[in-house]
Every structure is written in structure tokens, then in C-alpha cells.
C-alpha atoms as a PDB file:
ATOM      1  CA  MET A   1     110.504 107.211  95.538  1.00  0.00           C
ATOM      2  CA  ILE A   2     107.447 107.420  93.058  1.00  0.00           C
ATOM      3  CA  VAL A   3     108.457 105.165  90.225  1.00  0.00           C
ATOM      4  CA  ALA A   4     107.251 106.218  86.715  1.00  0.00           C
ATOM      5  CA  LEU A   5     105.822 103.457  84.699  1.00  0.00           C
ATOM      6  CA  PRO A   6     105.642 103.463  80.794  1.00  0.00           C
ATOM      7  CA  SER A   7     102.754 105.541  79.244  1.00  0.00           C
ATOM      8  CA  LEU A   8      99.616 103.997  78.674  1.00  0.00           C
ATOM      9  CA  ARG A   9      98.977 105.919  75.319  1.00  0.00           C
ATOM     10  CA  SER A  10      99.536 102.689  72.905  1.00  0.00           C
ATOM     11  CA  LYS A  11      97.332 100.631  75.487  1.00  0.00           C
ATOM     12  CA  GLN A  12      94.694 103.294  75.128  1.00  0.00           C
ATOM     13  CA  LEU A  13      94.141 102.784  71.361  1.00  0.00           C
ATOM     14  CA  VAL A  14      94.276  99.038  71.514  1.00  0.00           C
ATOM     15  CA  MET A  15      91.794  98.967  74.484  1.00  0.00           C
ATOM     16  CA  LEU A  16      89.514 101.105  72.889  1.00  0.00           C
ATOM     17  CA  ALA A  17      89.561  99.496  69.551  1.00  0.00           C
ATOM     18  CA  ALA A  18      88.836  96.208  71.345  1.00  0.00           C
ATOM     19  CA  ILE A  19      86.116  97.680  73.189  1.00  0.00           C
ATOM     20  CA  SER A  20      84.333  99.163  70.115  1.00  0.00           C
ATOM     21  CA  LEU A  21      84.420  95.599  68.508  1.00  0.00           C
ATOM     22  CA  VAL A  22      83.082  93.438  71.336  1.00  0.00           C
ATOM     23  CA  GLY A  23      79.943  91.646  70.171  1.00  0.00           C
ATOM     24  CA  CYS A  24      79.412  93.871  66.937  1.00  0.00           C
ATOM     25  CA  SER A  25      77.885  90.890  64.979  1.00  0.00           C
ATOM     26  CA  SER A  26      75.158  90.356  67.571  1.00  0.00           C
ATOM     27  CA  LEU A  27      74.760  94.125  68.091  1.00  0.00           C
ATOM     28  CA  LEU A  28      73.705  94.467  64.339  1.00  0.00           C
ATOM     29  CA  ASP A  29      71.030  92.367  65.134  1.00  0.00           C
ATOM     30  CA  TYR A  30      69.820  93.486  68.378  1.00  0.00           C
ATOM     31  CA  PRO A  31      66.051  94.008  68.385  1.00  0.00           C
ATOM     32  CA  ARG A  32      65.228  97.645  67.810  1.00  0.00           C
ATOM     33  CA  HIS A  33      61.932  99.751  67.813  1.00  0.00           C
ATOM     34  CA  PRO A  34      60.524 100.613  64.478  1.00  0.00           C
ATOM     35  CA  GLN A  35      59.969 104.269  65.627  1.00  0.00           C
ATOM     36  CA  ALA A  36      63.488 104.637  66.903  1.00  0.00           C
ATOM     37  CA  SER A  37      65.361 105.627  63.776  1.00  0.00           C
ATOM     38  CA  ALA A  38      63.135 108.435  62.969  1.00  0.00           C
ATOM     39  CA  ALA A  39      63.042 109.677  66.560  1.00  0.00           C
ATOM     40  CA  VAL A  40      66.759 109.632  66.652  1.00  0.00           C
ATOM     41  CA  SER A  41      66.937 111.815  63.579  1.00  0.00           C
ATOM     42  CA  ARG A  42      64.852 114.502  65.397  1.00  0.00           C
ATOM     43  CA  LEU A  43      67.018 114.029  68.496  1.00  0.00           C
ATOM     44  CA  VAL A  44      70.206 115.109  66.391  1.00  0.00           C
ATOM     45  CA  SER A  45      68.271 117.923  64.575  1.00  0.00           C
ATOM     46  CA  ASP A  46      68.820 121.755  65.145  1.00  0.00           C
ATOM     47  CA  ASP A  47      65.345 122.275  66.389  1.00  0.00           C
ATOM     48  CA  PRO A  48      65.180 122.581  70.346  1.00  0.00           C
ATOM     49  CA  LEU A  49      61.428 121.354  70.426  1.00  0.00           C
ATOM     50  CA  LEU A  50      62.121 118.440  68.043  1.00  0.00           C
ATOM     51  CA  VAL A  51      65.094 117.447  70.184  1.00  0.00           C
ATOM     52  CA  LYS A  52      62.818 117.694  73.495  1.00  0.00           C
ATOM     53  CA  GLU A  53      60.222 115.565  72.003  1.00  0.00           C
ATOM     54  CA  ALA A  54      62.561 112.892  70.662  1.00  0.00           C
ATOM     55  CA  ARG A  55      64.243 112.610  74.057  1.00  0.00           C
ATOM     56  CA  VAL A  56      61.029 111.839  75.499  1.00  0.00           C
ATOM     57  CA  GLU A  57      59.848 109.303  72.944  1.00  0.00           C
ATOM     58  CA  LEU A  58      63.127 107.515  72.907  1.00  0.00           C
ATOM     59  CA  SER A  59      63.391 107.227  76.726  1.00  0.00           C
ATOM     60  CA  SER A  60      60.108 105.752  76.591  1.00  0.00           C
ATOM     61  CA  LEU A  61      61.226 103.103  73.896  1.00  0.00           C
ATOM     62  CA  GLY A  62      64.016 102.162  76.440  1.00  0.00           C
ATOM     63  CA  SER A  63      66.258  99.402  75.053  1.00  0.00           C
ATOM     64  CA  GLY A  64      64.700  99.296  71.839  1.00  0.00           C
ATOM     65  CA  ALA A  65      65.917 102.788  71.056  1.00  0.00           C
ATOM     66  CA  MET A  66      69.483 101.781  71.910  1.00  0.00           C
ATOM     67  CA  PRO A  67      70.894 100.441  68.591  1.00  0.00           C
ATOM     68  CA  ALA A  68      69.332 103.393  66.706  1.00  0.00           C
ATOM     69  CA  LEU A  69      71.373 105.507  68.958  1.00  0.00           C
ATOM     70  CA  ARG A  70      74.546 103.769  68.445  1.00  0.00           C
ATOM     71  CA  ASP A  71      74.045 103.885  64.538  1.00  0.00           C
ATOM     72  CA  ALA A  72      73.534 107.492  64.663  1.00  0.00           C
ATOM     73  CA  LEU A  73      77.010 108.241  66.079  1.00  0.00           C
ATOM     74  CA  ALA A  74      78.962 107.927  63.003  1.00  0.00           C
ATOM     75  CA  ALA A  75      77.057 110.519  61.102  1.00  0.00           C
ATOM     76  CA  SER A  76      76.559 112.867  63.941  1.00  0.00           C
ATOM     77  CA  PRO A  77      78.934 115.953  64.701  1.00  0.00           C
ATOM     78  CA  PRO A  78      80.389 115.870  68.114  1.00  0.00           C
ATOM     79  CA  GLU A  79      78.135 118.243  69.877  1.00  0.00           C
ATOM     80  CA  LYS A  80      75.140 115.584  69.020  1.00  0.00           C
ATOM     81  CA  GLN A  81      77.176 112.805  70.302  1.00  0.00           C
ATOM     82  CA  VAL A  82      77.021 114.269  73.671  1.00  0.00           C
ATOM     83  CA  ILE A  83      73.227 114.232  73.204  1.00  0.00           C
ATOM     84  CA  ILE A  84      73.165 110.527  72.241  1.00  0.00           C
ATOM     85  CA  LEU A  85      75.523 109.884  75.159  1.00  0.00           C
ATOM     86  CA  ASP A  86      73.149 111.410  77.974  1.00  0.00           C
ATOM     87  CA  LEU A  87      70.320 109.507  76.575  1.00  0.00           C
ATOM     88  CA  ALA A  88      72.017 106.183  76.327  1.00  0.00           C
ATOM     89  CA  LEU A  89      73.321 106.430  79.926  1.00  0.00           C
ATOM     90  CA  ALA A  90      69.776 107.303  80.925  1.00  0.00           C
ATOM     91  CA  ILE A  91      68.432 104.320  79.313  1.00  0.00           C
ATOM     92  CA  ALA A  92      71.482 102.065  80.073  1.00  0.00           C
ATOM     93  CA  THR A  93      70.328  98.823  78.541  1.00  0.00           C
ATOM     94  CA  PRO A  94      71.226  96.747  76.706  1.00  0.00           C
ATOM     95  CA  GLN A  95      74.627  96.920  78.489  1.00  0.00           C
ATOM     96  CA  GLU A  96      76.721  96.001  75.543  1.00  0.00           C
ATOM     97  CA  VAL A  97      75.285  98.819  73.362  1.00  0.00           C
ATOM     98  CA  LEU A  98      75.939 101.275  76.038  1.00  0.00           C
ATOM     99  CA  GLU A  99      79.500 100.105  76.317  1.00  0.00           C
ATOM    100  CA  GLU A 100      79.860 100.591  72.603  1.00  0.00           C
ATOM    101  CA  ILE A 101      78.468 104.020  72.401  1.00  0.00           C
ATOM    102  CA  VAL A 102      80.583 105.164  75.517  1.00  0.00           C
ATOM    103  CA  ALA A 103      83.716 103.583  73.770  1.00  0.00           C
ATOM    104  CA  LYS A 104      83.015 105.231  70.385  1.00  0.00           C
ATOM    105  CA  ILE A 105      82.543 108.782  71.919  1.00  0.00           C
ATOM    106  CA  ALA A 106      85.958 108.349  74.116  1.00  0.00           C
ATOM    107  CA  THR A 107      87.795 108.072  70.717  1.00  0.00           C
ATOM    108  CA  CYS A 108      86.167 111.412  69.333  1.00  0.00           C
ATOM    109  CA  PRO A 109      88.824 113.592  67.825  1.00  0.00           C
ATOM    110  CA  VAL A 110      87.499 116.452  69.569  1.00  0.00           C
ATOM    111  CA  PRO A 111      89.070 116.905  73.355  1.00  0.00           C
ATOM    112  CA  ALA A 112      86.103 118.689  74.702  1.00  0.00           C
ATOM    113  CA  ILE A 113      83.771 115.705  73.788  1.00  0.00           C
ATOM    114  CA  ARG A 114      86.254 113.301  75.134  1.00  0.00           C
ATOM    115  CA  GLU A 115      86.359 114.937  78.171  1.00  0.00           C
ATOM    116  CA  MET A 116      82.778 114.807  78.767  1.00  0.00           C
ATOM    117  CA  VAL A 117      82.732 110.991  78.806  1.00  0.00           C
ATOM    118  CA  PRO A 118      84.101 110.586  82.387  1.00  0.00           C
ATOM    119  CA  THR A 119      81.850 113.476  83.598  1.00  0.00           C
ATOM    120  CA  ARG A 120      78.748 111.720  82.447  1.00  0.00           C
ATOM    121  CA  VAL A 121      79.747 108.590  83.772  1.00  0.00           C
ATOM    122  CA  SER A 122      80.463 110.185  87.184  1.00  0.00           C
ATOM    123  CA  VAL A 123      76.885 111.246  87.303  1.00  0.00           C
ATOM    124  CA  ILE A 124      75.627 107.945  86.907  1.00  0.00           C
ATOM    125  CA  ALA A 125      78.079 106.481  89.344  1.00  0.00           C
ATOM    126  CA  ASN A 126      76.607 108.929  92.110  1.00  0.00           C
ATOM    127  CA  LYS A 127      72.906 107.685  91.565  1.00  0.00           C
ATOM    128  CA  PRO A 128      72.593 104.557  93.723  1.00  0.00           C
ATOM    129  CA  PRO A 129      71.982 101.800  93.590  1.00  0.00           C
ATOM    130  CA  SER A 130      71.006 100.261  90.309  1.00  0.00           C
ATOM    131  CA  LEU A 131      73.234 101.573  87.446  1.00  0.00           C
ATOM    132  CA  ALA A 132      75.940 102.593  89.844  1.00  0.00           C
ATOM    133  CA  ALA A 133      76.060  99.087  91.335  1.00  0.00           C
ATOM    134  CA  GLN A 134      76.100  97.522  87.816  1.00  0.00           C
ATOM    135  CA  ILE A 135      78.606  99.812  86.021  1.00  0.00           C
ATOM    136  CA  GLY A 136      81.559  98.223  87.531  1.00  0.00           C
ATOM    137  CA  GLY A 137      80.630  95.038  85.548  1.00  0.00           C
ATOM    138  CA  PHE A 138      80.571  96.973  82.543  1.00  0.00           C
ATOM    139  CA  THR A 139      83.666  97.569  80.044  1.00  0.00           C
ATOM    140  CA  ILE A 140      82.935 101.211  80.893  1.00  0.00           C
ATOM    141  CA  PRO A 141      85.748 101.139  83.346  1.00  0.00           C
ATOM    142  CA  ASP A 142      87.862 100.068  80.814  1.00  0.00           C
ATOM    143  CA  THR A 143      87.284 102.963  78.638  1.00  0.00           C
ATOM    144  CA  LEU A 144      87.956 105.363  81.616  1.00  0.00           C
ATOM    145  CA  VAL A 145      91.228 103.652  82.428  1.00  0.00           C
ATOM    146  CA  ALA A 146      92.180 104.151  78.709  1.00  0.00           C
ATOM    147  CA  LEU A 147      91.539 107.679  79.026  1.00  0.00           C
ATOM    148  CA  LEU A 148      93.832 108.112  81.747  1.00  0.00           C
ATOM    149  CA  ALA A 149      96.540 108.215  78.909  1.00  0.00           C
ATOM    150  CA  ASP A 150      94.682 110.877  76.929  1.00  0.00           C
ATOM    151  CA  ASP A 151      96.184 113.784  75.568  1.00  0.00           C
ATOM    152  CA  SER A 152      93.745 116.129  77.367  1.00  0.00           C
ATOM    153  CA  SER A 153      94.581 116.694  81.078  1.00  0.00           C
ATOM    154  CA  ALA A 154      90.843 117.317  81.630  1.00  0.00           C
ATOM    155  CA  ALA A 155      89.891 113.887  80.105  1.00  0.00           C
ATOM    156  CA  ARG A 156      92.748 112.331  82.298  1.00  0.00           C
ATOM    157  CA  LEU A 157      91.471 114.144  85.619  1.00  0.00           C
ATOM    158  CA  GLY A 158      87.714 113.336  84.809  1.00  0.00           C
ATOM    159  CA  ALA A 159      88.556 109.603  84.130  1.00  0.00           C
ATOM    160  CA  LEU A 160      90.398 109.372  87.357  1.00  0.00           C
ATOM    161  CA  ARG A 161      87.759 111.046  89.321  1.00  0.00           C
ATOM    162  CA  ALA A 162      85.069 108.799  87.639  1.00  0.00           C
ATOM    163  CA  LEU A 163      86.891 105.694  88.509  1.00  0.00           C
ATOM    164  CA  SER A 164      87.424 106.693  92.024  1.00  0.00           C
ATOM    165  CA  LYS A 165      83.764 107.227  92.441  1.00  0.00           C
ATOM    166  CA  LEU A 166      83.036 103.696  91.397  1.00  0.00           C
ATOM    167  CA  ASP A 167      84.306 102.587  94.767  1.00  0.00           C
ATOM    168  CA  ARG A 168      86.094  99.399  93.626  1.00  0.00           C
ATOM    169  CA  SER A 169      89.838  99.478  93.727  1.00  0.00           C
ATOM    170  CA  GLU A 170      90.246  96.601  91.177  1.00  0.00           C
ATOM    171  CA  LEU A 171      88.728  99.130  88.534  1.00  0.00           C
ATOM    172  CA  LEU A 172      91.692 101.429  88.943  1.00  0.00           C
ATOM    173  CA  PRO A 173      94.813  99.171  89.488  1.00  0.00           C
ATOM    174  CA  GLU A 174      97.962 100.684  91.047  1.00  0.00           C
ATOM    175  CA  GLU A 175      99.765 100.081  87.811  1.00  0.00           C
ATOM    176  CA  SER A 176      97.487 102.629  86.078  1.00  0.00           C
ATOM    177  CA  LEU A 177      97.330 105.258  88.950  1.00  0.00           C
ATOM    178  CA  THR A 178     101.083 105.231  89.524  1.00  0.00           C
ATOM    179  CA  PRO A 179     101.906 106.968  86.265  1.00  0.00           C
ATOM    180  CA  LEU A 180      99.513 110.090  87.010  1.00  0.00           C
ATOM    181  CA  PHE A 181     101.765 110.855  90.024  1.00  0.00           C
ATOM    182  CA  HIS A 182     104.223 112.271  87.324  1.00  0.00           C
ATOM    183  CA  ASP A 183     101.310 113.830  85.063  1.00  0.00           C
ATOM    184  CA  PRO A 184     102.457 117.041  83.661  1.00  0.00           C
ATOM    185  CA  GLU A 185      99.333 118.774  84.786  1.00  0.00           C
ATOM    186  CA  GLN A 186      99.474 119.392  88.782  1.00  0.00           C
ATOM    187  CA  LEU A 187      95.929 118.909  89.369  1.00  0.00           C
ATOM    188  CA  VAL A 188      96.067 115.336  87.943  1.00  0.00           C
ATOM    189  CA  ARG A 189      99.103 114.717  90.045  1.00  0.00           C
ATOM    190  CA  VAL A 190      97.492 115.732  93.470  1.00  0.00           C
ATOM    191  CA  THR A 191      94.170 113.968  92.524  1.00  0.00           C
ATOM    192  CA  ALA A 192      96.183 110.992  91.876  1.00  0.00           C
ATOM    193  CA  LEU A 193      97.881 111.164  95.121  1.00  0.00           C
ATOM    194  CA  LEU A 194      94.651 111.706  96.908  1.00  0.00           C
ATOM    195  CA  VAL A 195      93.114 108.670  95.398  1.00  0.00           C
ATOM    196  CA  GLY A 196      96.184 106.746  96.164  1.00  0.00           C
ATOM    197  CA  ALA A 197      95.902 107.721  99.703  1.00  0.00           C
ATOM    198  CA  GLU A 198      92.318 107.021  99.992  1.00  0.00           C
ATOM    199  CA  ARG A 199      93.299 103.419  98.709  1.00  0.00           C
ATOM    200  CA  GLY A 200      95.681 102.886 101.289  1.00  0.00           C
ATOM    201  CA  LEU A 201      99.003 103.544  99.583  1.00  0.00           C
ATOM    202  CA  ARG A 202     101.727 104.744 101.867  1.00  0.00           C
ATOM    203  CA  PHE A 203     104.060 107.465 101.028  1.00  0.00           C
ATOM    204  CA  ASP A 204     106.086 107.650 104.279  1.00  0.00           C
ATOM    205  CA  LYS A 205     108.635 104.983 103.353  1.00  0.00           C
ATOM    206  CA  PRO A 206     112.284 105.849 102.729  1.00  0.00           C
ATOM    207  CA  GLY A 207     112.498 107.461  99.205  1.00  0.00           C
ATOM    208  CA  GLU A 208     109.017 108.341  99.147  1.00  0.00           C
ATOM    209  CA  GLU A 209     109.492 112.092 100.177  1.00  0.00           C
ATOM    210  CA  ASP A 210     108.735 113.225  96.433  1.00  0.00           C
ATOM    211  CA  ALA A 211     105.008 112.625  96.931  1.00  0.00           C
ATOM    212  CA  GLN A 212     104.957 114.473 100.430  1.00  0.00           C
ATOM    213  CA  ALA A 213     107.071 117.362  98.923  1.00  0.00           C
ATOM    214  CA  LEU A 214     104.612 117.700  96.012  1.00  0.00           C
ATOM    215  CA  LEU A 215     101.645 117.782  98.166  1.00  0.00           C
ATOM    216  CA  THR A 216     103.097 120.299 100.623  1.00  0.00           C
ATOM    217  CA  SER A 217     104.181 122.729  97.804  1.00  0.00           C
ATOM    218  CA  SER A 218     100.785 122.215  96.019  1.00  0.00           C
ATOM    219  CA  LEU A 219      99.409 124.177  99.172  1.00  0.00           C
ATOM    220  CA  GLN A 220     100.943 127.230  97.606  1.00  0.00           C
ATOM    221  CA  ASP A 221      99.268 126.772  94.067  1.00  0.00           C
ATOM    222  CA  GLN A 222      97.350 129.753  92.819  1.00  0.00           C
ATOM    223  CA  ARG A 223      94.263 127.604  92.019  1.00  0.00           C
ATOM    224  CA  PRO A 224      91.878 126.843  94.887  1.00  0.00           C
ATOM    225  CA  ILE A 225      91.020 123.421  93.670  1.00  0.00           C
ATOM    226  CA  VAL A 226      94.864 122.233  93.730  1.00  0.00           C
ATOM    227  CA  ARG A 227      95.326 123.610  97.252  1.00  0.00           C
ATOM    228  CA  ALA A 228      92.048 121.966  98.549  1.00  0.00           C
ATOM    229  CA  THR A 229      92.993 118.662  96.898  1.00  0.00           C
ATOM    230  CA  ALA A 230      96.473 118.785  98.210  1.00  0.00           C
ATOM    231  CA  ALA A 231      95.171 119.542 101.705  1.00  0.00           C
ATOM    232  CA  LYS A 232      92.690 116.691 101.667  1.00  0.00           C
ATOM    233  CA  ALA A 233      95.432 114.301 100.373  1.00  0.00           C
ATOM    234  CA  LEU A 234      97.740 115.357 103.373  1.00  0.00           C
ATOM    235  CA  GLY A 235      94.752 114.853 105.843  1.00  0.00           C
ATOM    236  CA  THR A 236      93.849 111.389 104.371  1.00  0.00           C
ATOM    237  CA  LEU A 237      97.536 110.344 104.979  1.00  0.00           C
ATOM    238  CA  GLU A 238      97.034 111.437 108.802  1.00  0.00           C
ATOM    239  CA  GLY A 239     100.263 110.548 110.619  1.00  0.00           C
ATOM    240  CA  GLN A 240     102.460 110.206 107.307  1.00  0.00           C
ATOM    241  CA  SER A 241     101.992 114.028 106.954  1.00  0.00           C
ATOM    242  CA  VAL A 242     103.287 115.231 110.340  1.00  0.00           C
ATOM    243  CA  ASN A 243     106.014 117.334 108.522  1.00  0.00           C
ATOM    244  CA  ALA A 244     103.337 119.184 106.531  1.00  0.00           C
ATOM    245  CA  VAL A 245     101.791 120.680 109.687  1.00  0.00           C
ATOM    246  CA  PRO A 246     103.647 123.823 109.651  1.00  0.00           C
ATOM    247  CA  SER A 247     102.659 124.414 106.052  1.00  0.00           C
ATOM    248  CA  LEU A 248      99.270 123.654 106.769  1.00  0.00           C
ATOM    249  CA  ILE A 249      98.897 125.908 109.730  1.00  0.00           C
ATOM    250  CA  GLN A 250     100.642 128.839 107.770  1.00  0.00           C
ATOM    251  CA  LEU A 251      98.034 128.231 104.870  1.00  0.00           C
ATOM    252  CA  LEU A 252      95.070 128.166 107.572  1.00  0.00           C
ATOM    253  CA  GLN A 253      96.172 131.529 108.889  1.00  0.00           C
ATOM    254  CA  VAL A 254      95.937 133.295 105.438  1.00  0.00           C
ATOM    255  CA  GLU A 255      93.680 131.303 103.261  1.00  0.00           C
ATOM    256  CA  LYS A 256      90.546 133.320 102.175  1.00  0.00           C
ATOM    257  CA  HIS A 257      88.734 130.718 100.006  1.00  0.00           C
ATOM    258  CA  GLU A 258      86.278 128.939 102.377  1.00  0.00           C
ATOM    259  CA  VAL A 259      86.330 125.458 100.867  1.00  0.00           C
ATOM    260  CA  VAL A 260      90.167 125.402 100.807  1.00  0.00           C
ATOM    261  CA  ARG A 261      90.287 126.605 104.593  1.00  0.00           C
ATOM    262  CA  LEU A 262      87.619 123.796 105.420  1.00  0.00           C
ATOM    263  CA  GLN A 263      89.834 121.132 103.797  1.00  0.00           C
ATOM    264  CA  VAL A 264      93.051 122.515 105.383  1.00  0.00           C
ATOM    265  CA  ALA A 265      91.231 122.383 108.845  1.00  0.00           C
ATOM    266  CA  ILE A 266      89.985 119.007 108.400  1.00  0.00           C
ATOM    267  CA  ALA A 267      93.494 117.792 107.573  1.00  0.00           C
ATOM    268  CA  LEU A 268      94.891 119.220 110.584  1.00  0.00           C
ATOM    269  CA  SER A 269      92.197 117.674 112.673  1.00  0.00           C
ATOM    270  CA  ARG A 270      93.323 114.261 111.084  1.00  0.00           C
ATOM    271  CA  ILE A 271      96.938 114.675 111.472  1.00  0.00           C
ATOM    272  CA  ALA A 272      96.275 115.639 115.074  1.00  0.00           C
ATOM    273  CA  THR A 273      99.507 116.738 116.424  1.00  0.00           C
ATOM    274  CA  PRO A 274      98.931 119.204 119.455  1.00  0.00           C
ATOM    275  CA  PRO A 275     100.069 122.160 117.218  1.00  0.00           C
ATOM    276  CA  ALA A 276      97.771 121.167 114.292  1.00  0.00           C
ATOM    277  CA  LEU A 277      94.741 120.706 116.924  1.00  0.00           C
ATOM    278  CA  GLU A 278      95.534 123.892 118.638  1.00  0.00           C
ATOM    279  CA  ALA A 279      95.548 125.930 115.158  1.00  0.00           C
ATOM    280  CA  THR A 280      92.361 124.101 113.545  1.00  0.00           C
ATOM    281  CA  ILE A 281      89.788 123.896 116.487  1.00  0.00           C
ATOM    282  CA  PRO A 282      88.915 127.597 116.595  1.00  0.00           C
ATOM    283  CA  VAL A 283      88.529 127.525 112.895  1.00  0.00           C
ATOM    284  CA  LEU A 284      86.504 124.403 112.761  1.00  0.00           C
ATOM    285  CA  ARG A 285      84.397 126.256 115.368  1.00  0.00           C
ATOM    286  CA  ASP A 286      83.668 129.085 113.176  1.00  0.00           C
ATOM    287  CA  LEU A 287      83.247 126.787 110.039  1.00  0.00           C
ATOM    288  CA  SER A 288      80.531 124.725 111.971  1.00  0.00           C
ATOM    289  CA  GLN A 289      78.160 127.729 111.750  1.00  0.00           C
ATOM    290  CA  ASN A 290      78.642 128.244 108.352  1.00  0.00           C
ATOM    291  CA  ARG A 291      75.569 129.284 106.139  1.00  0.00           C
ATOM    292  CA  ASP A 292      76.327 126.327 103.523  1.00  0.00           C
ATOM    293  CA  ALA A 293      75.119 122.937 104.625  1.00  0.00           C
ATOM    294  CA  PRO A 294      78.006 121.089 103.016  1.00  0.00           C
ATOM    295  CA  VAL A 295      80.656 123.020 104.810  1.00  0.00           C
ATOM    296  CA  ARG A 296      78.859 123.178 108.166  1.00  0.00           C
ATOM    297  CA  VAL A 297      78.142 119.264 108.332  1.00  0.00           C
ATOM    298  CA  ALA A 298      81.990 118.519 107.451  1.00  0.00           C
ATOM    299  CA  ALA A 299      83.085 121.158 109.860  1.00  0.00           C
ATOM    300  CA  THR A 300      81.014 119.932 112.755  1.00  0.00           C
ATOM    301  CA  ALA A 301      82.272 116.376 112.249  1.00  0.00           C
ATOM    302  CA  ALA A 302      85.998 117.415 112.151  1.00  0.00           C
ATOM    303  CA  LEU A 303      85.466 119.563 115.097  1.00  0.00           C
ATOM    304  CA  ALA A 304      84.166 116.559 117.076  1.00  0.00           C
ATOM    305  CA  ARG A 305      86.999 114.431 116.081  1.00  0.00           C
ATOM    306  CA  ALA A 306      89.683 117.300 116.958  1.00  0.00           C
ATOM    307  CA  GLU A 307      87.972 118.096 120.373  1.00  0.00           C
ATOM    308  CA  ALA A 308      88.143 114.363 121.245  1.00  0.00           C
ATOM    309  CA  LYS A 309      91.572 113.936 120.251  1.00  0.00           C
ATOM    310  CA  SER A 310      92.749 117.184 122.115  1.00  0.00           C
ATOM    311  CA  HIS A 311      91.122 115.498 125.421  1.00  0.00           C
ATOM    312  CA  GLY A 312      92.774 112.343 124.699  1.00  0.00           C
ATOM    313  CA  THR A 313      89.435 110.411 124.067  1.00  0.00           C
ATOM    314  CA  VAL A 314      88.635 108.164 121.416  1.00  0.00           C
ATOM    315  CA  TYR A 315      85.795 109.290 118.988  1.00  0.00           C
ATOM    316  CA  ALA A 316      85.018 108.461 115.384  1.00  0.00           C
ATOM    317  CA  PRO A 317      82.388 110.342 113.817  1.00  0.00           C
ATOM    318  CA  PRO A 318      81.018 109.477 110.475  1.00  0.00           C
ATOM    319  CA  HIS A 319      83.154 110.935 107.749  1.00  0.00           C
ATOM    320  CA  PRO A 320      80.900 113.162 105.747  1.00  0.00           C
ATOM    321  CA  HIS A 321      81.646 114.073 102.107  1.00  0.00           C
ATOM    322  CA  SER A 322      83.699 117.207 102.397  1.00  0.00           C
ATOM    323  CA  PRO A 323      83.358 119.596  99.339  1.00  0.00           C
ATOM    324  CA  LEU A 324      86.092 120.781  96.996  1.00  0.00           C
ATOM    325  CA  PRO A 325      86.306 123.860  94.832  1.00  0.00           C
ATOM    326  CA  GLN A 326      84.810 123.513  91.410  1.00  0.00           C
END
């Protein structure tokens, strides 16, 4: 059975408060470039030309601009805080100032602004190797873990996705992941189960039927992203998902959304029972000729795996990243 753990909301407030106070006395004295304050004033202005010029100037100032960016947060409206965040993430040093900027924006009272924090961090996490490699050592993951308990489902989902992209399981411990299996938003629930499956959690033990039932029922959700994520999670679980094969085959026969169809076909190729392989191989052959390169590449790899398994041979092609609907 999936065990619900206590809410993280109180921990979120304590953690973010602690993050925002780390090293404050030293940060006030951190060297700053004499031109930075004036440039930041232009950055948060309403003149697009001044904003563009200020962005270039502050980027060239590098770490010397970061204290001024941090100091401007308090007086800046939420939409300007996002501009500051983007530039701070691009500069990225000194690390302590970046951490404080991220933590402060993560406590913004406007949900749409908080939701942007994990989105922006995800972009950085996808840029190897320098900052992406360093970011796990920051306290930024602590801010993301705190956002897992945010009131906004978009913030929780974004934080979950960002933490999973950092590719270090200790940054998203099981005790932080497990409560999301019961999240009120279904997309958060199935995404959490997908991340759990990718981390090697098992859902085929006695009493764990809830997870399998949730993923299988999610195949009928009206939103393509939910159907695709559920299918991907079932495929990641491989042999644990044998009971879901009839539902996957049924969806494969009627699904019109191309990326959902791809994820269902890949899931069946990974579960690899004879009925699953019989149903998925013709679909994967069709998708391997798709006009979109990500779909074509993922389908080709899955097809090679499925055909090898159908002939009883061992074949382990590289697992390309397969797309999900936006």
C-alpha cells in the first residue's frame, strides 16, 4: 500500500527561511561592481531597450552584479523578479548569492512566480556540464524540495521535474517523494510514480496495488500529458506492469495523440509479454518513419528492442529520451 507521510508545508516555511538567512552578514559585504546598481535600475524599468542593454551590461559584469541583483528583489514587482532570476541563473556566481535569490523568489506570494523557479532551474540542469554539475551542491535543491509542499500544483510539479532532472537521487529522498503519490493533482501523482519507478522503487509488493491501479486508470485521463506519463511509468516498471497490458493495448488501438501513442507503444515493448509485443511492433514500425526526429529515434530504439525480444534474443539499445506532451 502507498503510505501517506505528513505534509511538508511547515517544513517548507522553515527551510526557505533558513536558506534566505544563510551567510547574510557576509553577503552584504560581497564585492560589487560600481556600475551594477545603476544597471539593475535599468533592468527592472519598463523600457524594453533599457532592459536589453542592462541585461548585456550586467552579464558582462558577472559576479560583481549579483549583490545588486539580490538587493533589487525587495523593491521589484513579481514580473521583474523573474527577469532578475533569469539573469542571476545565467551568471550563477557567487553561488551563495544565487542561492539567496532563488530562495527569496520561491517565497513570492504570487503563485505564477513561484512556479517559474523550478522551470528556470530545469533549464540550467539541462545544460551540461558546468552549472548543471555544480547545482546539486547548492542549496537550490533544498528550495525545490520545499516547493514540493507548495499550495500551487504547478509549483509542486515543476519542483518534482526539476529535482528528477538533477539526476542525483539523494537530492529527492524517498520521504519527500512519497507524499506526492497522494497529491490532489493527478498529473503530480503519476509524475511522482514515474520518478519513483525511475529511481527503482517497486510497486508489485503485496498491498502496493494502489499505485498500479492509479497508473492504469490514468490511461483514460482526458489530458494527453497524464496518459503519456502514466504509460511511461508503467513501461519503466516493466514486468511489474503485466496486469496493465490489456489496458495499454486498448489505448494503443484508439489513441490519436502521436506522443501518447509513442509512450504506450514503448511501454508495451518494455513489458514485452507476447500479446504486448504483437500489438506494439506494427505501431513502432509506423512511428519509426515519423517526420519528427524525437519520435522517430525513440520509436526506432523501441522497435529494435521489441523485435529482439519477440525472437528471443538479447538486445539492449541505448535508451533515448522519449518525448512527453507539453
